[in-house]
Amino acid sequence: MNQDVPGPLPTRLVFLSELPNLPVGSKVRFLGCVSKYTIAKGILTLEHNDSVSSPNRKGPRRAPGARIDVDVNLLLESLSHSDIDIGNWINVIGYVRPLSPAPSLVLQNEILKSGGGRKKPSSVYVEALMIIPAGGIRVGEYERVLSESREVDKRLKGSS
């Protein structure tokens, strides 16, 4: 596609754990497991402890528990309750957005003290454009295929 022609941003297929490191405004697709739904705010919380390849050793290692909030307010009329049940795996297509305001240090310390995890809260969320139920997905196979696809992309970019 010609860079001068305006059009929608391409969607990047990413691991949920990568979302906090992406530029705000990035259009993404990722897989996550529903762990919470805050009805009053229209916010899904998704998790995925993905396996990622470590350059220093063979085989995958488990990433620390990655978690992201997904704003589903644009989709409320089309969402089915069964699609967003706790424990269901879903694909999300949406935009990375900044939290505003960013979580305060006091809030971060409260989360750490309450045992809410060792990682600071994410400074971004995803505004969902589409949610696709993943059904009976084999998560390990999905992770492997996505990792291999990235390796192929790296090789192709390196050879051109």
N, C-alpha and C. Protein backbone atom coordinates (compact mmCIF):
# COMPACT_ATOMS: atom_id res chain seq x y z
N MET A 1 0.84 -1.18 0.00
CA MET A 1 0.00 0.00 0.00
C MET A 1 0.88 1.23 0.00
N ASN A 2 0.56 2.20 -0.79
CA ASN A 2 1.31 3.44 -0.90
C ASN A 2 1.22 4.21 0.41
N GLN A 3 2.36 4.66 0.94
CA GLN A 3 2.40 5.38 2.21
C GLN A 3 1.70 6.73 2.14
N ASP A 4 1.55 7.30 0.94
CA ASP A 4 0.94 8.62 0.80
C ASP A 4 -0.59 8.55 0.79
N VAL A 5 -1.15 7.38 0.59
CA VAL A 5 -2.60 7.24 0.51
C VAL A 5 -3.15 7.07 1.93
N PRO A 6 -4.06 7.97 2.34
CA PRO A 6 -4.63 7.83 3.68
C PRO A 6 -5.52 6.59 3.76
N GLY A 7 -5.59 6.04 4.92
CA GLY A 7 -6.42 4.87 5.13
C GLY A 7 -6.29 4.42 6.57
N PRO A 8 -6.98 3.37 6.93
CA PRO A 8 -6.91 2.90 8.31
C PRO A 8 -5.53 2.33 8.62
N LEU A 9 -5.17 2.42 9.89
CA LEU A 9 -3.91 1.84 10.33
C LEU A 9 -3.95 0.33 10.19
N PRO A 10 -2.82 -0.29 9.86
CA PRO A 10 -2.78 -1.75 9.85
C PRO A 10 -2.86 -2.27 11.28
N THR A 11 -3.40 -3.44 11.43
CA THR A 11 -3.51 -4.06 12.75
C THR A 11 -2.28 -4.91 13.00
N ARG A 12 -1.67 -4.75 14.18
CA ARG A 12 -0.51 -5.56 14.58
C ARG A 12 -0.98 -6.68 15.49
N LEU A 13 -0.60 -7.90 15.18
CA LEU A 13 -0.89 -9.04 16.03
C LEU A 13 0.18 -9.10 17.10
N VAL A 14 -0.23 -8.97 18.37
CA VAL A 14 0.73 -8.88 19.47
C VAL A 14 0.30 -9.78 20.63
N PHE A 15 1.25 -10.03 21.53
CA PHE A 15 0.92 -10.67 22.79
C PHE A 15 0.38 -9.61 23.74
N LEU A 16 -0.54 -9.99 24.60
CA LEU A 16 -1.11 -9.06 25.57
C LEU A 16 -0.02 -8.40 26.40
N SER A 17 1.02 -9.13 26.74
CA SER A 17 2.11 -8.59 27.57
C SER A 17 2.88 -7.46 26.89
N GLU A 18 2.75 -7.33 25.57
CA GLU A 18 3.47 -6.29 24.83
C GLU A 18 2.72 -4.96 24.78
N LEU A 19 1.44 -4.97 25.11
CA LEU A 19 0.61 -3.77 24.94
C LEU A 19 1.14 -2.53 25.67
N PRO A 20 1.60 -2.63 26.92
CA PRO A 20 2.08 -1.42 27.61
C PRO A 20 3.30 -0.79 26.94
N ASN A 21 4.02 -1.54 26.11
CA ASN A 21 5.23 -1.03 25.46
C ASN A 21 4.99 -0.47 24.06
N LEU A 22 3.76 -0.55 23.58
CA LEU A 22 3.45 -0.07 22.23
C LEU A 22 3.08 1.41 22.27
N PRO A 23 3.30 2.11 21.16
CA PRO A 23 2.92 3.53 21.11
C PRO A 23 1.40 3.69 21.23
N VAL A 24 1.00 4.73 21.95
CA VAL A 24 -0.42 5.06 22.05
C VAL A 24 -0.94 5.32 20.64
N GLY A 25 -2.12 4.81 20.36
CA GLY A 25 -2.71 4.96 19.03
C GLY A 25 -2.47 3.76 18.13
N SER A 26 -1.63 2.82 18.56
CA SER A 26 -1.39 1.61 17.76
C SER A 26 -2.68 0.81 17.64
N LYS A 27 -2.93 0.27 16.46
CA LYS A 27 -4.08 -0.62 16.26
C LYS A 27 -3.57 -2.04 16.42
N VAL A 28 -4.21 -2.80 17.32
CA VAL A 28 -3.68 -4.11 17.69
C VAL A 28 -4.76 -5.19 17.65
N ARG A 29 -4.29 -6.42 17.55
CA ARG A 29 -5.12 -7.60 17.76
C ARG A 29 -4.36 -8.48 18.72
N PHE A 30 -5.06 -8.97 19.75
CA PHE A 30 -4.40 -9.82 20.74
C PHE A 30 -5.42 -10.78 21.35
N LEU A 31 -4.88 -11.81 21.98
CA LEU A 31 -5.68 -12.83 22.64
C LEU A 31 -5.60 -12.63 24.14
N GLY A 32 -6.71 -12.79 24.83
CA GLY A 32 -6.70 -12.69 26.28
C GLY A 32 -7.83 -13.49 26.89
N CYS A 33 -7.67 -13.80 28.16
CA CYS A 33 -8.67 -14.55 28.91
C CYS A 33 -9.41 -13.57 29.83
N VAL A 34 -10.73 -13.59 29.77
CA VAL A 34 -11.53 -12.67 30.58
C VAL A 34 -11.38 -13.05 32.05
N SER A 35 -10.91 -12.09 32.87
CA SER A 35 -10.78 -12.36 34.30
C SER A 35 -11.73 -11.51 35.13
N LYS A 36 -12.29 -10.45 34.52
CA LYS A 36 -13.18 -9.57 35.27
C LYS A 36 -13.97 -8.71 34.27
N TYR A 37 -15.20 -8.38 34.65
CA TYR A 37 -15.99 -7.44 33.85
C TYR A 37 -16.64 -6.45 34.79
N THR A 38 -16.29 -5.18 34.65
CA THR A 38 -16.88 -4.12 35.45
C THR A 38 -18.02 -3.52 34.64
N ILE A 39 -19.24 -3.96 34.95
CA ILE A 39 -20.41 -3.59 34.16
C ILE A 39 -20.63 -2.08 34.16
N ALA A 40 -20.50 -1.44 35.32
CA ALA A 40 -20.79 -0.01 35.43
C ALA A 40 -19.89 0.84 34.53
N LYS A 41 -18.68 0.36 34.27
CA LYS A 41 -17.74 1.12 33.45
C LYS A 41 -17.58 0.56 32.04
N GLY A 42 -18.10 -0.62 31.79
CA GLY A 42 -17.93 -1.25 30.48
C GLY A 42 -16.48 -1.64 30.23
N ILE A 43 -15.82 -2.16 31.27
CA ILE A 43 -14.40 -2.50 31.18
C ILE A 43 -14.21 -4.00 31.44
N LEU A 44 -13.60 -4.66 30.47
CA LEU A 44 -13.17 -6.06 30.65
C LEU A 44 -11.72 -6.05 31.09
N THR A 45 -11.36 -6.93 31.99
CA THR A 45 -9.95 -7.13 32.33
C THR A 45 -9.56 -8.48 31.75
N LEU A 46 -8.51 -8.46 30.93
CA LEU A 46 -8.02 -9.67 30.29
C LEU A 46 -6.64 -10.01 30.80
N GLU A 47 -6.34 -11.30 30.86
CA GLU A 47 -5.03 -11.78 31.29
C GLU A 47 -4.52 -12.80 30.28
N HIS A 48 -3.20 -12.93 30.26
CA HIS A 48 -2.56 -13.97 29.44
C HIS A 48 -1.11 -14.10 29.90
N ASN A 49 -0.79 -15.22 30.50
CA ASN A 49 0.59 -15.51 30.90
C ASN A 49 1.27 -16.21 29.75
N ASP A 50 1.63 -15.42 28.73
CA ASP A 50 2.15 -16.03 27.51
C ASP A 50 3.56 -16.56 27.68
N SER A 51 3.87 -17.58 26.90
CA SER A 51 5.23 -18.10 26.81
C SER A 51 5.95 -17.24 25.81
N VAL A 52 7.13 -16.79 26.18
CA VAL A 52 7.93 -16.01 25.23
C VAL A 52 9.30 -16.63 25.13
N SER A 53 9.88 -16.53 23.97
CA SER A 53 11.21 -17.10 23.78
C SER A 53 12.25 -16.23 24.44
N SER A 54 13.16 -16.85 25.12
CA SER A 54 14.26 -16.13 25.75
C SER A 54 15.50 -16.29 24.89
N PRO A 55 16.17 -15.19 24.53
CA PRO A 55 17.34 -15.32 23.68
C PRO A 55 18.51 -16.02 24.36
N ASN A 56 18.50 -16.09 25.69
CA ASN A 56 19.63 -16.65 26.43
C ASN A 56 19.49 -18.14 26.71
N ARG A 57 18.32 -18.71 26.44
CA ARG A 57 18.18 -20.13 26.69
C ARG A 57 17.18 -20.73 25.72
N LYS A 58 17.28 -22.04 25.57
CA LYS A 58 16.38 -22.72 24.64
C LYS A 58 15.02 -22.93 25.29
N GLY A 59 14.00 -22.89 24.46
CA GLY A 59 12.65 -23.16 24.94
C GLY A 59 11.98 -21.92 25.50
N PRO A 60 10.68 -22.04 25.71
CA PRO A 60 9.92 -20.89 26.19
C PRO A 60 10.05 -20.71 27.69
N ARG A 61 9.76 -19.51 28.14
CA ARG A 61 9.65 -19.23 29.56
C ARG A 61 8.32 -18.53 29.75
N ARG A 62 7.77 -18.59 30.94
CA ARG A 62 6.50 -17.95 31.21
C ARG A 62 6.72 -16.48 31.54
N ALA A 63 5.97 -15.61 30.87
CA ALA A 63 6.01 -14.19 31.19
C ALA A 63 5.21 -13.99 32.47
N PRO A 64 5.60 -12.99 33.28
CA PRO A 64 4.81 -12.73 34.46
C PRO A 64 3.38 -12.38 34.06
N GLY A 65 2.44 -12.59 34.96
CA GLY A 65 1.03 -12.37 34.65
C GLY A 65 0.74 -11.02 34.02
N ALA A 66 0.45 -11.02 32.74
CA ALA A 66 0.12 -9.79 32.03
C ALA A 66 -1.38 -9.57 32.13
N ARG A 67 -1.75 -8.30 32.31
CA ARG A 67 -3.16 -7.94 32.48
C ARG A 67 -3.40 -6.60 31.80
N ILE A 68 -4.55 -6.47 31.15
CA ILE A 68 -4.88 -5.19 30.49
C ILE A 68 -6.39 -4.97 30.59
N ASP A 69 -6.78 -3.72 30.72
CA ASP A 69 -8.19 -3.36 30.70
C ASP A 69 -8.60 -3.05 29.27
N VAL A 70 -9.81 -3.47 28.92
CA VAL A 70 -10.34 -3.25 27.57
C VAL A 70 -11.69 -2.55 27.71
N ASP A 71 -11.79 -1.37 27.12
CA ASP A 71 -13.04 -0.61 27.12
C ASP A 71 -13.93 -1.17 26.01
N VAL A 72 -15.09 -1.72 26.39
CA VAL A 72 -16.00 -2.32 25.41
C VAL A 72 -17.26 -1.49 25.19
N ASN A 73 -17.25 -0.24 25.62
CA ASN A 73 -18.45 0.60 25.51
C ASN A 73 -18.94 0.77 24.08
N LEU A 74 -18.04 0.76 23.10
CA LEU A 74 -18.47 0.88 21.70
C LEU A 74 -19.20 -0.36 21.20
N LEU A 75 -19.06 -1.46 21.95
CA LEU A 75 -19.60 -2.75 21.49
C LEU A 75 -20.77 -3.27 22.32
N LEU A 76 -21.24 -2.48 23.27
CA LEU A 76 -22.23 -2.99 24.22
C LEU A 76 -23.48 -3.56 23.56
N GLU A 77 -23.94 -2.97 22.48
CA GLU A 77 -25.16 -3.47 21.83
C GLU A 77 -24.95 -4.80 21.12
N SER A 78 -23.73 -5.08 20.72
CA SER A 78 -23.48 -6.31 19.96
C SER A 78 -22.84 -7.42 20.78
N LEU A 79 -22.43 -7.13 22.01
CA LEU A 79 -21.77 -8.15 22.83
C LEU A 79 -22.78 -9.15 23.38
N SER A 80 -22.40 -10.40 23.36
CA SER A 80 -23.20 -11.44 23.98
C SER A 80 -22.59 -11.76 25.34
N HIS A 81 -23.45 -11.98 26.32
CA HIS A 81 -22.94 -12.28 27.67
C HIS A 81 -22.02 -13.50 27.63
N SER A 82 -22.37 -14.49 26.83
CA SER A 82 -21.56 -15.71 26.78
C SER A 82 -20.17 -15.46 26.18
N ASP A 83 -20.04 -14.41 25.36
CA ASP A 83 -18.73 -14.09 24.77
C ASP A 83 -17.75 -13.57 25.81
N ILE A 84 -18.26 -12.94 26.86
CA ILE A 84 -17.37 -12.28 27.82
C ILE A 84 -17.46 -12.88 29.21
N ASP A 85 -17.91 -14.13 29.30
CA ASP A 85 -17.92 -14.82 30.59
C ASP A 85 -16.50 -14.96 31.12
N ILE A 86 -16.37 -14.92 32.43
CA ILE A 86 -15.07 -15.11 33.08
C ILE A 86 -14.50 -16.46 32.63
N GLY A 87 -13.23 -16.45 32.23
CA GLY A 87 -12.57 -17.68 31.80
C GLY A 87 -12.58 -17.89 30.29
N ASN A 88 -13.39 -17.13 29.57
CA ASN A 88 -13.42 -17.26 28.10
C ASN A 88 -12.22 -16.57 27.48
N TRP A 89 -11.71 -17.17 26.41
CA TRP A 89 -10.63 -16.58 25.62
C TRP A 89 -11.25 -15.81 24.47
N ILE A 90 -10.78 -14.58 24.26
CA ILE A 90 -11.30 -13.75 23.18
C ILE A 90 -10.15 -13.06 22.44
N ASN A 91 -10.38 -12.79 21.17
CA ASN A 91 -9.49 -11.94 20.37
C ASN A 91 -10.07 -10.54 20.41
N VAL A 92 -9.21 -9.56 20.62
CA VAL A 92 -9.65 -8.17 20.65
C VAL A 92 -8.91 -7.41 19.55
N ILE A 93 -9.65 -6.62 18.80
CA ILE A 93 -9.06 -5.68 17.85
C ILE A 93 -9.44 -4.29 18.37
N GLY A 94 -8.42 -3.44 18.53
CA GLY A 94 -8.70 -2.11 19.05
C GLY A 94 -7.47 -1.23 19.04
N TYR A 95 -7.62 -0.08 19.68
CA TYR A 95 -6.54 0.91 19.73
C TYR A 95 -5.98 1.02 21.14
N VAL A 96 -4.65 1.14 21.23
CA VAL A 96 -3.98 1.38 22.51
C VAL A 96 -4.23 2.84 22.88
N ARG A 97 -4.75 3.05 24.08
CA ARG A 97 -5.07 4.39 24.57
C ARG A 97 -4.36 4.64 25.90
N PRO A 98 -4.02 5.90 26.20
CA PRO A 98 -3.38 6.19 27.49
C PRO A 98 -4.42 6.25 28.60
N LEU A 99 -4.04 5.78 29.78
CA LEU A 99 -4.89 6.00 30.94
C LEU A 99 -4.75 7.46 31.32
N SER A 100 -5.82 8.11 31.61
CA SER A 100 -5.68 9.49 32.05
C SER A 100 -6.61 9.71 33.24
N PRO A 101 -6.07 10.12 34.35
CA PRO A 101 -4.65 10.32 34.55
C PRO A 101 -3.96 8.98 34.79
N ALA A 102 -2.65 8.98 34.65
CA ALA A 102 -1.88 7.77 34.92
C ALA A 102 -2.05 7.39 36.38
N PRO A 103 -2.00 6.10 36.72
CA PRO A 103 -2.16 5.68 38.10
C PRO A 103 -1.13 6.37 39.00
N SER A 104 -1.61 6.82 40.14
CA SER A 104 -0.72 7.51 41.07
C SER A 104 0.19 6.52 41.78
N LEU A 105 1.27 7.03 42.35
CA LEU A 105 2.16 6.17 43.13
C LEU A 105 1.43 5.60 44.33
N VAL A 106 0.52 6.37 44.93
CA VAL A 106 -0.25 5.88 46.07
C VAL A 106 -1.07 4.66 45.65
N LEU A 107 -1.75 4.76 44.50
CA LEU A 107 -2.55 3.64 44.00
C LEU A 107 -1.65 2.44 43.71
N GLN A 108 -0.50 2.67 43.09
CA GLN A 108 0.41 1.58 42.79
C GLN A 108 0.87 0.89 44.07
N ASN A 109 1.19 1.67 45.10
CA ASN A 109 1.62 1.09 46.38
C ASN A 109 0.49 0.31 47.04
N GLU A 110 -0.75 0.81 46.95
CA GLU A 110 -1.89 0.09 47.52
C GLU A 110 -2.07 -1.26 46.83
N ILE A 111 -1.90 -1.29 45.52
CA ILE A 111 -2.04 -2.54 44.77
C ILE A 111 -0.96 -3.53 45.21
N LEU A 112 0.27 -3.05 45.35
CA LEU A 112 1.36 -3.93 45.77
C LEU A 112 1.12 -4.46 47.17
N LYS A 113 0.68 -3.59 48.10
CA LYS A 113 0.44 -4.01 49.49
C LYS A 113 -0.69 -5.02 49.59
N SER A 114 -1.70 -4.89 48.72
CA SER A 114 -2.85 -5.78 48.78
C SER A 114 -2.57 -7.12 48.10
N GLY A 115 -1.34 -7.29 47.60
CA GLY A 115 -1.00 -8.54 46.94
C GLY A 115 -1.50 -8.60 45.52
N GLY A 116 -1.81 -7.46 44.93
CA GLY A 116 -2.34 -7.40 43.58
C GLY A 116 -1.30 -7.63 42.52
N GLY A 117 -0.11 -8.01 42.88
CA GLY A 117 0.92 -8.28 41.90
C GLY A 117 2.15 -7.44 42.14
N ARG A 118 3.23 -7.82 41.48
CA ARG A 118 4.49 -7.11 41.65
C ARG A 118 4.68 -6.03 40.60
N LYS A 119 3.92 -6.14 39.53
CA LYS A 119 4.08 -5.17 38.45
C LYS A 119 3.21 -3.96 38.71
N LYS A 120 3.69 -2.80 38.30
CA LYS A 120 2.86 -1.60 38.41
C LYS A 120 1.70 -1.73 37.43
N PRO A 121 0.59 -1.03 37.72
CA PRO A 121 -0.54 -1.10 36.80
C PRO A 121 -0.14 -0.58 35.42
N SER A 122 -0.78 -1.12 34.40
CA SER A 122 -0.50 -0.67 33.05
C SER A 122 -0.88 0.79 32.89
N SER A 123 -0.11 1.52 32.12
CA SER A 123 -0.41 2.93 31.88
C SER A 123 -1.25 3.11 30.62
N VAL A 124 -1.70 2.00 30.05
CA VAL A 124 -2.54 2.05 28.86
C VAL A 124 -3.73 1.09 29.02
N TYR A 125 -4.72 1.29 28.17
CA TYR A 125 -5.82 0.35 28.04
C TYR A 125 -6.09 0.20 26.55
N VAL A 126 -6.99 -0.69 26.19
CA VAL A 126 -7.34 -0.86 24.78
C VAL A 126 -8.81 -0.50 24.60
N GLU A 127 -9.08 0.34 23.62
CA GLU A 127 -10.44 0.67 23.23
C GLU A 127 -10.84 -0.33 22.15
N ALA A 128 -11.76 -1.23 22.48
CA ALA A 128 -12.11 -2.32 21.57
C ALA A 128 -13.00 -1.85 20.43
N LEU A 129 -12.62 -2.29 19.22
CA LEU A 129 -13.44 -2.08 18.03
C LEU A 129 -14.22 -3.34 17.68
N MET A 130 -13.63 -4.48 18.04
CA MET A 130 -14.23 -5.77 17.72
C MET A 130 -13.74 -6.80 18.73
N ILE A 131 -14.65 -7.69 19.10
CA ILE A 131 -14.30 -8.83 19.96
C ILE A 131 -14.76 -10.08 19.24
N ILE A 132 -13.84 -11.04 19.14
CA ILE A 132 -14.12 -12.30 18.45
C ILE A 132 -13.87 -13.43 19.44
N PRO A 133 -14.90 -14.22 19.76
CA PRO A 133 -14.68 -15.35 20.67
C PRO A 133 -13.64 -16.30 20.09
N ALA A 134 -12.72 -16.75 20.94
CA ALA A 134 -11.65 -17.65 20.48
C ALA A 134 -12.08 -19.11 20.54
N GLY A 135 -13.18 -19.39 21.22
CA GLY A 135 -13.66 -20.76 21.30
C GLY A 135 -12.66 -21.67 22.00
N GLY A 136 -12.54 -22.89 21.53
CA GLY A 136 -11.65 -23.87 22.14
C GLY A 136 -10.23 -23.75 21.61
N ILE A 137 -9.65 -22.59 21.77
CA ILE A 137 -8.30 -22.34 21.24
C ILE A 137 -7.25 -23.12 22.03
N ARG A 138 -6.24 -23.59 21.32
CA ARG A 138 -5.08 -24.22 21.97
C ARG A 138 -4.06 -23.11 22.15
N VAL A 139 -4.01 -22.56 23.35
CA VAL A 139 -3.22 -21.37 23.63
C VAL A 139 -1.74 -21.59 23.33
N GLY A 140 -1.20 -22.73 23.71
CA GLY A 140 0.21 -23.02 23.44
C GLY A 140 0.53 -23.02 21.96
N GLU A 141 -0.37 -23.58 21.16
CA GLU A 141 -0.19 -23.60 19.71
C GLU A 141 -0.26 -22.18 19.14
N TYR A 142 -1.20 -21.39 19.64
CA TYR A 142 -1.33 -19.99 19.21
C TYR A 142 -0.03 -19.23 19.48
N GLU A 143 0.51 -19.39 20.68
CA GLU A 143 1.76 -18.71 21.05
C GLU A 143 2.90 -19.13 20.14
N ARG A 144 2.99 -20.44 19.87
CA ARG A 144 4.07 -20.95 19.02
C ARG A 144 3.97 -20.38 17.61
N VAL A 145 2.77 -20.40 17.04
CA VAL A 145 2.58 -19.91 15.67
C VAL A 145 2.88 -18.41 15.59
N LEU A 146 2.43 -17.64 16.56
CA LEU A 146 2.71 -16.20 16.56
C LEU A 146 4.20 -15.93 16.68
N SER A 147 4.88 -16.65 17.55
CA SER A 147 6.34 -16.48 17.69
C SER A 147 7.07 -16.86 16.41
N GLU A 148 6.68 -17.98 15.79
CA GLU A 148 7.33 -18.40 14.55
C GLU A 148 7.07 -17.40 13.42
N SER A 149 5.88 -16.86 13.36
CA SER A 149 5.54 -15.87 12.34
C SER A 149 6.42 -14.63 12.48
N ARG A 150 6.68 -14.24 13.70
CA ARG A 150 7.56 -13.08 13.93
C ARG A 150 8.99 -13.37 13.50
N GLU A 151 9.45 -14.58 13.75
CA GLU A 151 10.81 -14.95 13.33
C GLU A 151 10.93 -14.89 11.81
N VAL A 152 9.92 -15.37 11.11
CA VAL A 152 9.92 -15.32 9.64
C VAL A 152 9.95 -13.87 9.18
N ASP A 153 9.12 -13.02 9.80
CA ASP A 153 9.10 -11.59 9.43
C ASP A 153 10.47 -10.95 9.63
N LYS A 154 11.14 -11.28 10.75
CA LYS A 154 12.48 -10.73 11.01
C LYS A 154 13.46 -11.15 9.93
N ARG A 155 13.41 -12.43 9.55
CA ARG A 155 14.33 -12.92 8.52
C ARG A 155 14.07 -12.25 7.18
N LEU A 156 12.80 -12.09 6.84
CA LEU A 156 12.45 -11.44 5.57
C LEU A 156 12.90 -9.98 5.55
N LYS A 157 12.73 -9.29 6.65
CA LYS A 157 13.17 -7.89 6.72
C LYS A 157 14.69 -7.78 6.66
N GLY A 158 15.37 -8.75 7.26
CA GLY A 158 16.83 -8.76 7.25
C GLY A 158 17.41 -9.09 5.90
N SER A 159 16.67 -9.83 5.08
CA SER A 159 17.20 -10.22 3.77
C SER A 159 16.86 -9.21 2.67
N SER A 160 16.01 -8.25 2.97
CA SER A 160 15.65 -7.28 1.92
C SER A 160 16.44 -6.00 2.02
